[in-house]
Amino acid sequence: MTADHDTLWRHCVHLGRVVLPLMDQEPWRQDRRRQRLRSWGIDTTVGHRIIETLAALAAHAVAVDASLSAAEFGTLPLSTVAEAVTGKHDFELLAGLPDTFADDHDEIAVKVVRLYTYKGGRSSHQLLRLSTEVRHTLTVLAAREPVPLPTCADILGRAAEANLPQ
């Protein structure tokens, strides 16, 4: 894996990590999401981590499919990422990932998604529910942006304005 691909993955992970804090700027959204997760039998901490990971995986899959460099990642339309999270098969989201991860938490989260993907049954059903949650989150964030076709750079810019950690 090249340094550029590692950097691309880090950009995708950063996007995944900021979507929920940006969404939660309206506090009632977090309460509603937690209620949904509980009703689905998903621990909220685990659910939030998988949501972050699915957002990163979808962004990465779309960027790799489009042959985007890390420098071009910001041009990726958020709507394309939102469509990919439910429009691609789970195994497609896992293709082309790094063999090793700089962050152990990322590696564990990706392994959990892999496990849910290949285990089937209830796990796959939960993954589908979480994927729809990611799509909803990205769609809401895109609708908040003042530009007609918001990109990943717009969302990362919003995160920087909100002083969210990188």
N, C-alpha and C. Protein backbone atom coordinates (compact mmCIF):
# COMPACT_ATOMS: atom_id res chain seq x y z
N MET A 1 0.84 -1.16 0.00
CA MET A 1 0.00 0.00 0.00
C MET A 1 0.89 1.24 0.00
N THR A 2 0.53 2.22 -0.80
CA THR A 2 1.33 3.42 -0.91
C THR A 2 0.99 4.39 0.21
N ALA A 3 1.89 5.33 0.41
CA ALA A 3 1.66 6.36 1.43
C ALA A 3 0.40 7.16 1.10
N ASP A 4 0.16 7.41 -0.20
CA ASP A 4 -1.03 8.15 -0.60
C ASP A 4 -2.30 7.39 -0.23
N HIS A 5 -2.27 6.06 -0.41
CA HIS A 5 -3.44 5.26 -0.07
C HIS A 5 -3.66 5.25 1.44
N ASP A 6 -2.59 5.21 2.22
CA ASP A 6 -2.71 5.31 3.68
C ASP A 6 -3.31 6.65 4.07
N THR A 7 -2.87 7.71 3.41
CA THR A 7 -3.40 9.04 3.69
C THR A 7 -4.88 9.12 3.30
N LEU A 8 -5.22 8.53 2.17
CA LEU A 8 -6.62 8.48 1.76
C LEU A 8 -7.47 7.79 2.82
N TRP A 9 -7.00 6.65 3.31
CA TRP A 9 -7.73 5.93 4.35
C TRP A 9 -7.89 6.80 5.60
N ARG A 10 -6.84 7.53 5.99
CA ARG A 10 -6.93 8.40 7.17
C ARG A 10 -7.98 9.50 6.96
N HIS A 11 -8.06 10.04 5.74
CA HIS A 11 -9.09 11.05 5.44
C HIS A 11 -10.49 10.44 5.59
N CYS A 12 -10.65 9.23 5.11
CA CYS A 12 -11.94 8.53 5.20
C CYS A 12 -12.31 8.28 6.66
N VAL A 13 -11.34 7.86 7.45
CA VAL A 13 -11.57 7.62 8.87
C VAL A 13 -11.96 8.92 9.57
N HIS A 14 -11.28 10.00 9.22
CA HIS A 14 -11.61 11.29 9.82
C HIS A 14 -13.05 11.68 9.49
N LEU A 15 -13.45 11.50 8.24
CA LEU A 15 -14.83 11.77 7.86
C LEU A 15 -15.79 10.93 8.71
N GLY A 16 -15.49 9.64 8.83
CA GLY A 16 -16.34 8.76 9.62
C GLY A 16 -16.47 9.21 11.06
N ARG A 17 -15.40 9.72 11.61
CA ARG A 17 -15.40 10.12 13.03
C ARG A 17 -16.13 11.43 13.30
N VAL A 18 -16.30 12.26 12.28
CA VAL A 18 -16.94 13.56 12.52
C VAL A 18 -18.44 13.56 12.19
N VAL A 19 -18.93 12.55 11.49
CA VAL A 19 -20.34 12.63 11.07
C VAL A 19 -21.31 12.63 12.25
N LEU A 20 -21.09 11.80 13.25
CA LEU A 20 -22.03 11.78 14.38
C LEU A 20 -21.93 13.05 15.24
N PRO A 21 -20.73 13.52 15.58
CA PRO A 21 -20.68 14.79 16.32
C PRO A 21 -21.32 15.96 15.57
N LEU A 22 -21.16 15.99 14.25
CA LEU A 22 -21.82 17.04 13.47
C LEU A 22 -23.33 16.86 13.49
N MET A 23 -23.78 15.65 13.36
CA MET A 23 -25.21 15.36 13.40
C MET A 23 -25.79 15.74 14.76
N ASP A 24 -25.02 15.50 15.80
CA ASP A 24 -25.50 15.71 17.17
C ASP A 24 -25.48 17.17 17.60
N GLN A 25 -25.20 18.07 16.68
CA GLN A 25 -25.31 19.49 17.01
C GLN A 25 -26.78 19.84 17.30
N GLU A 26 -27.66 18.99 16.84
CA GLU A 26 -29.06 19.05 17.24
C GLU A 26 -29.23 17.90 18.25
N PRO A 27 -29.19 18.20 19.55
CA PRO A 27 -29.13 17.14 20.58
C PRO A 27 -30.23 16.09 20.49
N TRP A 28 -31.39 16.45 20.04
CA TRP A 28 -32.48 15.49 19.96
C TRP A 28 -32.16 14.35 19.00
N ARG A 29 -31.31 14.60 18.02
CA ARG A 29 -30.95 13.55 17.05
C ARG A 29 -30.19 12.41 17.74
N GLN A 30 -29.30 12.75 18.66
CA GLN A 30 -28.55 11.72 19.37
C GLN A 30 -29.49 10.85 20.22
N ASP A 31 -30.43 11.49 20.90
CA ASP A 31 -31.40 10.74 21.71
C ASP A 31 -32.21 9.79 20.83
N ARG A 32 -32.66 10.28 19.72
CA ARG A 32 -33.47 9.45 18.81
C ARG A 32 -32.65 8.28 18.26
N ARG A 33 -31.39 8.55 17.90
CA ARG A 33 -30.53 7.47 17.38
C ARG A 33 -30.27 6.42 18.46
N ARG A 34 -30.01 6.87 19.67
CA ARG A 34 -29.78 5.92 20.77
C ARG A 34 -31.01 5.06 21.01
N GLN A 35 -32.19 5.65 20.94
CA GLN A 35 -33.43 4.87 21.09
C GLN A 35 -33.55 3.82 19.99
N ARG A 36 -33.25 4.23 18.75
CA ARG A 36 -33.32 3.27 17.63
C ARG A 36 -32.34 2.12 17.84
N LEU A 37 -31.12 2.45 18.21
CA LEU A 37 -30.12 1.40 18.43
C LEU A 37 -30.58 0.43 19.52
N ARG A 38 -31.07 0.96 20.61
CA ARG A 38 -31.56 0.09 21.69
C ARG A 38 -32.72 -0.78 21.21
N SER A 39 -33.62 -0.20 20.43
CA SER A 39 -34.76 -0.99 19.95
C SER A 39 -34.32 -2.10 18.99
N TRP A 40 -33.17 -1.91 18.36
CA TRP A 40 -32.62 -2.92 17.46
C TRP A 40 -31.74 -3.93 18.20
N GLY A 41 -31.56 -3.73 19.50
CA GLY A 41 -30.71 -4.62 20.28
C GLY A 41 -29.23 -4.39 20.06
N ILE A 42 -28.86 -3.15 19.71
CA ILE A 42 -27.47 -2.80 19.45
C ILE A 42 -26.99 -1.87 20.55
N ASP A 43 -25.90 -2.24 21.20
CA ASP A 43 -25.27 -1.38 22.19
C ASP A 43 -24.91 -0.05 21.53
N THR A 44 -25.21 1.07 22.20
CA THR A 44 -25.00 2.37 21.55
C THR A 44 -23.53 2.65 21.25
N THR A 45 -22.63 2.26 22.14
CA THR A 45 -21.20 2.49 21.88
C THR A 45 -20.75 1.69 20.66
N VAL A 46 -21.14 0.44 20.62
CA VAL A 46 -20.79 -0.41 19.47
C VAL A 46 -21.45 0.13 18.20
N GLY A 47 -22.71 0.50 18.30
CA GLY A 47 -23.43 1.04 17.14
C GLY A 47 -22.78 2.29 16.59
N HIS A 48 -22.40 3.19 17.49
CA HIS A 48 -21.75 4.43 17.04
C HIS A 48 -20.41 4.14 16.36
N ARG A 49 -19.66 3.22 16.91
CA ARG A 49 -18.36 2.88 16.32
C ARG A 49 -18.53 2.24 14.94
N ILE A 50 -19.54 1.39 14.81
CA ILE A 50 -19.78 0.77 13.50
C ILE A 50 -20.30 1.81 12.50
N ILE A 51 -21.10 2.74 12.96
CA ILE A 51 -21.58 3.81 12.08
C ILE A 51 -20.39 4.61 11.55
N GLU A 52 -19.47 4.98 12.43
CA GLU A 52 -18.26 5.70 12.01
C GLU A 52 -17.48 4.88 10.98
N THR A 53 -17.34 3.60 11.27
CA THR A 53 -16.56 2.73 10.40
C THR A 53 -17.24 2.55 9.04
N LEU A 54 -18.54 2.38 9.03
CA LEU A 54 -19.26 2.24 7.76
C LEU A 54 -19.15 3.51 6.91
N ALA A 55 -19.20 4.67 7.56
CA ALA A 55 -19.03 5.92 6.81
C ALA A 55 -17.63 5.97 6.19
N ALA A 56 -16.62 5.58 6.96
CA ALA A 56 -15.25 5.57 6.44
C ALA A 56 -15.10 4.55 5.31
N LEU A 57 -15.67 3.37 5.50
CA LEU A 57 -15.58 2.33 4.46
C LEU A 57 -16.26 2.76 3.17
N ALA A 58 -17.43 3.38 3.29
CA ALA A 58 -18.14 3.83 2.09
C ALA A 58 -17.35 4.92 1.37
N ALA A 59 -16.81 5.88 2.12
CA ALA A 59 -16.01 6.94 1.50
C ALA A 59 -14.78 6.35 0.82
N HIS A 60 -14.16 5.41 1.49
CA HIS A 60 -12.96 4.77 0.93
C HIS A 60 -13.29 3.99 -0.34
N ALA A 61 -14.36 3.22 -0.31
CA ALA A 61 -14.74 2.42 -1.49
C ALA A 61 -15.03 3.31 -2.69
N VAL A 62 -15.73 4.40 -2.46
CA VAL A 62 -16.06 5.31 -3.57
C VAL A 62 -14.80 6.00 -4.07
N ALA A 63 -13.94 6.43 -3.17
CA ALA A 63 -12.70 7.10 -3.57
C ALA A 63 -11.81 6.16 -4.37
N VAL A 64 -11.70 4.92 -3.92
CA VAL A 64 -10.87 3.94 -4.63
C VAL A 64 -11.48 3.63 -6.00
N ASP A 65 -12.81 3.45 -6.04
CA ASP A 65 -13.48 3.19 -7.32
C ASP A 65 -13.25 4.32 -8.32
N ALA A 66 -13.21 5.55 -7.81
CA ALA A 66 -13.02 6.72 -8.68
C ALA A 66 -11.54 7.03 -8.89
N SER A 67 -10.65 6.21 -8.33
CA SER A 67 -9.20 6.41 -8.43
C SER A 67 -8.77 7.78 -7.94
N LEU A 68 -9.38 8.22 -6.86
CA LEU A 68 -9.02 9.52 -6.29
C LEU A 68 -7.77 9.40 -5.45
N SER A 69 -6.93 10.39 -5.53
CA SER A 69 -5.78 10.45 -4.65
C SER A 69 -6.23 11.04 -3.31
N ALA A 70 -5.37 10.98 -2.34
CA ALA A 70 -5.70 11.57 -1.04
C ALA A 70 -5.97 13.06 -1.18
N ALA A 71 -5.23 13.73 -2.05
CA ALA A 71 -5.41 15.16 -2.26
C ALA A 71 -6.76 15.48 -2.90
N GLU A 72 -7.31 14.53 -3.65
CA GLU A 72 -8.59 14.74 -4.34
C GLU A 72 -9.79 14.29 -3.50
N PHE A 73 -9.54 13.68 -2.35
CA PHE A 73 -10.62 13.14 -1.53
C PHE A 73 -11.71 14.17 -1.24
N GLY A 74 -11.31 15.39 -0.97
CA GLY A 74 -12.27 16.44 -0.63
C GLY A 74 -13.29 16.73 -1.71
N THR A 75 -12.98 16.38 -2.95
CA THR A 75 -13.91 16.65 -4.06
C THR A 75 -15.04 15.63 -4.14
N LEU A 76 -14.95 14.59 -3.36
CA LEU A 76 -15.94 13.51 -3.40
C LEU A 76 -17.29 14.01 -2.89
N PRO A 77 -18.34 13.92 -3.72
CA PRO A 77 -19.67 14.37 -3.27
C PRO A 77 -20.18 13.51 -2.11
N LEU A 78 -20.70 14.16 -1.10
CA LEU A 78 -21.23 13.45 0.06
C LEU A 78 -22.39 12.54 -0.34
N SER A 79 -23.16 12.95 -1.32
CA SER A 79 -24.29 12.12 -1.78
C SER A 79 -23.81 10.80 -2.35
N THR A 80 -22.66 10.79 -2.98
CA THR A 80 -22.10 9.56 -3.54
C THR A 80 -21.71 8.60 -2.41
N VAL A 81 -21.15 9.15 -1.35
CA VAL A 81 -20.79 8.33 -0.19
C VAL A 81 -22.06 7.77 0.45
N ALA A 82 -23.08 8.62 0.59
CA ALA A 82 -24.35 8.18 1.18
C ALA A 82 -24.98 7.05 0.37
N GLU A 83 -24.94 7.17 -0.94
CA GLU A 83 -25.50 6.12 -1.81
C GLU A 83 -24.69 4.83 -1.69
N ALA A 84 -23.39 4.95 -1.57
CA ALA A 84 -22.52 3.76 -1.52
C ALA A 84 -22.74 2.95 -0.25
N VAL A 85 -23.03 3.62 0.85
CA VAL A 85 -23.12 2.89 2.12
C VAL A 85 -24.26 1.88 2.11
N THR A 86 -25.32 2.14 1.36
CA THR A 86 -26.41 1.16 1.25
C THR A 86 -26.47 0.54 -0.14
N GLY A 87 -25.82 1.17 -1.12
CA GLY A 87 -25.89 0.67 -2.48
C GLY A 87 -24.84 -0.38 -2.82
N LYS A 88 -23.79 -0.43 -2.05
CA LYS A 88 -22.75 -1.43 -2.27
C LYS A 88 -22.96 -2.59 -1.31
N HIS A 89 -22.56 -3.76 -1.74
CA HIS A 89 -22.58 -4.92 -0.85
C HIS A 89 -21.52 -4.71 0.23
N ASP A 90 -21.76 -5.31 1.39
CA ASP A 90 -20.81 -5.15 2.50
C ASP A 90 -19.40 -5.53 2.09
N PHE A 91 -19.26 -6.62 1.36
CA PHE A 91 -17.92 -7.06 0.97
C PHE A 91 -17.27 -6.07 0.02
N GLU A 92 -18.07 -5.29 -0.74
CA GLU A 92 -17.49 -4.28 -1.62
C GLU A 92 -16.91 -3.13 -0.81
N LEU A 93 -17.53 -2.85 0.31
CA LEU A 93 -17.02 -1.78 1.18
C LEU A 93 -15.69 -2.17 1.81
N LEU A 94 -15.47 -3.47 1.95
CA LEU A 94 -14.24 -3.96 2.59
C LEU A 94 -13.08 -4.14 1.62
N ALA A 95 -13.33 -4.05 0.33
CA ALA A 95 -12.28 -4.26 -0.68
C ALA A 95 -11.28 -3.11 -0.67
N GLY A 96 -10.02 -3.46 -0.85
CA GLY A 96 -8.97 -2.45 -1.00
C GLY A 96 -8.54 -1.75 0.26
N LEU A 97 -8.87 -2.31 1.41
CA LEU A 97 -8.46 -1.69 2.66
C LEU A 97 -6.99 -1.96 2.95
N PRO A 98 -6.41 -1.16 3.82
CA PRO A 98 -5.02 -1.42 4.21
C PRO A 98 -4.88 -2.80 4.84
N ASP A 99 -3.71 -3.40 4.65
CA ASP A 99 -3.42 -4.69 5.31
C ASP A 99 -3.15 -4.49 6.79
N THR A 100 -2.59 -3.36 7.11
CA THR A 100 -2.33 -3.01 8.50
C THR A 100 -2.91 -1.62 8.74
N PHE A 101 -3.22 -1.34 9.99
CA PHE A 101 -3.82 -0.07 10.34
C PHE A 101 -2.94 0.64 11.36
N ALA A 102 -2.82 1.94 11.23
CA ALA A 102 -2.03 2.72 12.17
C ALA A 102 -2.72 2.79 13.53
N ASP A 103 -4.03 2.70 13.52
CA ASP A 103 -4.82 2.81 14.75
C ASP A 103 -5.48 1.47 15.05
N ASP A 104 -5.19 0.91 16.22
CA ASP A 104 -5.78 -0.37 16.61
C ASP A 104 -7.30 -0.32 16.66
N HIS A 105 -7.86 0.81 17.06
CA HIS A 105 -9.31 0.94 17.13
C HIS A 105 -9.95 0.80 15.75
N ASP A 106 -9.29 1.37 14.73
CA ASP A 106 -9.79 1.24 13.36
C ASP A 106 -9.73 -0.21 12.91
N GLU A 107 -8.63 -0.87 13.22
CA GLU A 107 -8.48 -2.26 12.82
C GLU A 107 -9.55 -3.13 13.48
N ILE A 108 -9.81 -2.92 14.74
CA ILE A 108 -10.83 -3.70 15.44
C ILE A 108 -12.21 -3.41 14.85
N ALA A 109 -12.50 -2.15 14.58
CA ALA A 109 -13.81 -1.79 14.03
C ALA A 109 -14.02 -2.42 12.65
N VAL A 110 -12.99 -2.42 11.82
CA VAL A 110 -13.10 -3.06 10.50
C VAL A 110 -13.29 -4.56 10.67
N LYS A 111 -12.59 -5.16 11.62
CA LYS A 111 -12.76 -6.60 11.86
C LYS A 111 -14.18 -6.92 12.32
N VAL A 112 -14.77 -6.05 13.12
CA VAL A 112 -16.16 -6.26 13.56
C VAL A 112 -17.10 -6.20 12.36
N VAL A 113 -16.89 -5.22 11.48
CA VAL A 113 -17.73 -5.13 10.28
C VAL A 113 -17.55 -6.38 9.42
N ARG A 114 -16.31 -6.84 9.27
CA ARG A 114 -16.07 -8.09 8.53
C ARG A 114 -16.82 -9.25 9.16
N LEU A 115 -16.74 -9.36 10.47
CA LEU A 115 -17.43 -10.43 11.18
C LEU A 115 -18.94 -10.36 10.95
N TYR A 116 -19.51 -9.17 11.10
CA TYR A 116 -20.94 -9.00 10.86
C TYR A 116 -21.30 -9.36 9.42
N THR A 117 -20.43 -8.99 8.49
CA THR A 117 -20.69 -9.25 7.07
C THR A 117 -20.75 -10.74 6.78
N TYR A 118 -19.78 -11.46 7.28
CA TYR A 118 -19.67 -12.88 6.92
C TYR A 118 -20.42 -13.81 7.86
N LYS A 119 -20.82 -13.33 9.03
CA LYS A 119 -21.55 -14.16 9.97
C LYS A 119 -22.98 -14.41 9.48
N GLY A 120 -23.57 -13.38 8.86
CA GLY A 120 -24.93 -13.53 8.35
C GLY A 120 -25.97 -13.42 9.46
N GLY A 121 -27.18 -13.78 9.13
CA GLY A 121 -28.27 -13.79 10.10
C GLY A 121 -28.51 -12.44 10.73
N ARG A 122 -28.67 -12.47 12.05
CA ARG A 122 -28.97 -11.26 12.82
C ARG A 122 -27.87 -10.21 12.66
N SER A 123 -26.63 -10.64 12.59
CA SER A 123 -25.51 -9.70 12.45
C SER A 123 -25.61 -8.91 11.15
N SER A 124 -25.92 -9.60 10.06
CA SER A 124 -26.08 -8.92 8.77
C SER A 124 -27.26 -7.96 8.80
N HIS A 125 -28.31 -8.37 9.48
CA HIS A 125 -29.48 -7.50 9.60
C HIS A 125 -29.13 -6.23 10.38
N GLN A 126 -28.36 -6.38 11.45
CA GLN A 126 -27.94 -5.21 12.22
C GLN A 126 -27.04 -4.30 11.38
N LEU A 127 -26.17 -4.90 10.60
CA LEU A 127 -25.29 -4.12 9.73
C LEU A 127 -26.10 -3.33 8.71
N LEU A 128 -27.14 -3.94 8.17
CA LEU A 128 -28.02 -3.24 7.24
C LEU A 128 -28.70 -2.06 7.92
N ARG A 129 -29.18 -2.27 9.13
CA ARG A 129 -29.81 -1.17 9.87
C ARG A 129 -28.83 -0.03 10.12
N LEU A 130 -27.61 -0.38 10.51
CA LEU A 130 -26.60 0.64 10.76
C LEU A 130 -26.21 1.36 9.47
N SER A 131 -26.19 0.65 8.37
CA SER A 131 -25.90 1.27 7.07
C SER A 131 -26.96 2.31 6.71
N THR A 132 -28.22 1.99 6.97
CA THR A 132 -29.27 2.96 6.69
C THR A 132 -29.15 4.17 7.61
N GLU A 133 -28.67 3.95 8.82
CA GLU A 133 -28.44 5.05 9.75
C GLU A 133 -27.33 5.97 9.23
N VAL A 134 -26.29 5.37 8.69
CA VAL A 134 -25.19 6.17 8.10
C VAL A 134 -25.71 6.98 6.92
N ARG A 135 -26.46 6.33 6.05
CA ARG A 135 -27.00 7.04 4.88
C ARG A 135 -27.86 8.21 5.33
N HIS A 136 -28.71 7.99 6.31
CA HIS A 136 -29.56 9.07 6.83
C HIS A 136 -28.70 10.21 7.38
N THR A 137 -27.69 9.87 8.15
CA THR A 137 -26.80 10.87 8.74
C THR A 137 -26.13 11.71 7.66
N LEU A 138 -25.58 11.04 6.66
CA LEU A 138 -24.89 11.77 5.58
C LEU A 138 -25.86 12.63 4.78
N THR A 139 -27.08 12.15 4.59
CA THR A 139 -28.09 12.91 3.86
C THR A 139 -28.48 14.17 4.63
N VAL A 140 -28.66 14.04 5.95
CA VAL A 140 -28.99 15.20 6.78
C VAL A 140 -27.85 16.20 6.77
N LEU A 141 -26.62 15.73 6.91
CA LEU A 141 -25.47 16.63 6.90
C LEU A 141 -25.36 17.35 5.56
N ALA A 142 -25.60 16.65 4.47
CA ALA A 142 -25.54 17.27 3.15
C ALA A 142 -26.62 18.34 3.00
N ALA A 143 -27.81 18.07 3.54
CA ALA A 143 -28.91 19.03 3.44
C ALA A 143 -28.63 20.31 4.24
N ARG A 144 -27.81 20.22 5.26
CA ARG A 144 -27.47 21.39 6.08
C ARG A 144 -26.51 22.34 5.38
N GLU A 145 -25.76 21.82 4.42
CA GLU A 145 -24.74 22.63 3.77
C GLU A 145 -25.38 23.64 2.81
N PRO A 146 -24.82 24.85 2.75
CA PRO A 146 -25.40 25.89 1.89
C PRO A 146 -25.10 25.71 0.40
N VAL A 147 -24.20 24.80 0.05
CA VAL A 147 -23.87 24.59 -1.35
C VAL A 147 -24.76 23.50 -1.93
N PRO A 148 -25.01 23.53 -3.24
CA PRO A 148 -25.95 22.57 -3.82
C PRO A 148 -25.49 21.11 -3.80
N LEU A 149 -24.22 20.84 -3.98
CA LEU A 149 -23.73 19.46 -3.98
C LEU A 149 -22.53 19.39 -3.03
N PRO A 150 -22.80 19.26 -1.72
CA PRO A 150 -21.70 19.28 -0.75
C PRO A 150 -20.75 18.10 -0.93
N THR A 151 -19.51 18.35 -0.63
CA THR A 151 -18.45 17.35 -0.78
C THR A 151 -17.93 16.95 0.60
N CYS A 152 -17.06 15.98 0.60
CA CYS A 152 -16.41 15.57 1.84
C CYS A 152 -15.62 16.73 2.44
N ALA A 153 -15.03 17.57 1.59
CA ALA A 153 -14.29 18.73 2.09
C ALA A 153 -15.20 19.69 2.83
N ASP A 154 -16.44 19.85 2.36
CA ASP A 154 -17.38 20.73 3.05
C ASP A 154 -17.68 20.21 4.46
N ILE A 155 -17.86 18.91 4.58
CA ILE A 155 -18.16 18.32 5.89
C ILE A 155 -16.93 18.39 6.80
N LEU A 156 -15.75 18.10 6.25
CA LEU A 156 -14.53 18.20 7.06
C LEU A 156 -14.27 19.65 7.47
N GLY A 157 -14.61 20.59 6.59
CA GLY A 157 -14.50 22.02 6.94
C GLY A 157 -15.44 22.39 8.06
N ARG A 158 -16.67 21.86 8.00
CA ARG A 158 -17.65 22.10 9.06
C ARG A 158 -17.14 21.53 10.39
N ALA A 159 -16.50 20.36 10.31
CA ALA A 159 -15.94 19.74 11.52
C ALA A 159 -14.82 20.61 12.10
N ALA A 160 -13.98 21.17 11.23
CA ALA A 160 -12.90 22.05 11.69
C ALA A 160 -13.48 23.29 12.35
N GLU A 161 -14.54 23.87 11.76
CA GLU A 161 -15.20 25.04 12.35
C GLU A 161 -15.76 24.71 13.73
N ALA A 162 -16.23 23.49 13.90
CA ALA A 162 -16.81 23.06 15.18
C ALA A 162 -15.73 22.60 16.17
N ASN A 163 -14.46 22.72 15.77
CA ASN A 163 -13.32 22.32 16.59
C ASN A 163 -13.37 20.86 17.00
N LEU A 164 -13.83 20.00 16.08
CA LEU A 164 -13.83 18.57 16.34
C LEU A 164 -12.43 18.04 16.13
N PRO A 165 -11.99 17.08 16.94
CA PRO A 165 -10.63 16.57 16.82
C PRO A 165 -10.37 15.92 15.48
N GLN A 166 -9.12 16.03 15.06
CA GLN A 166 -8.74 15.41 13.79
C GLN A 166 -8.18 14.07 14.10
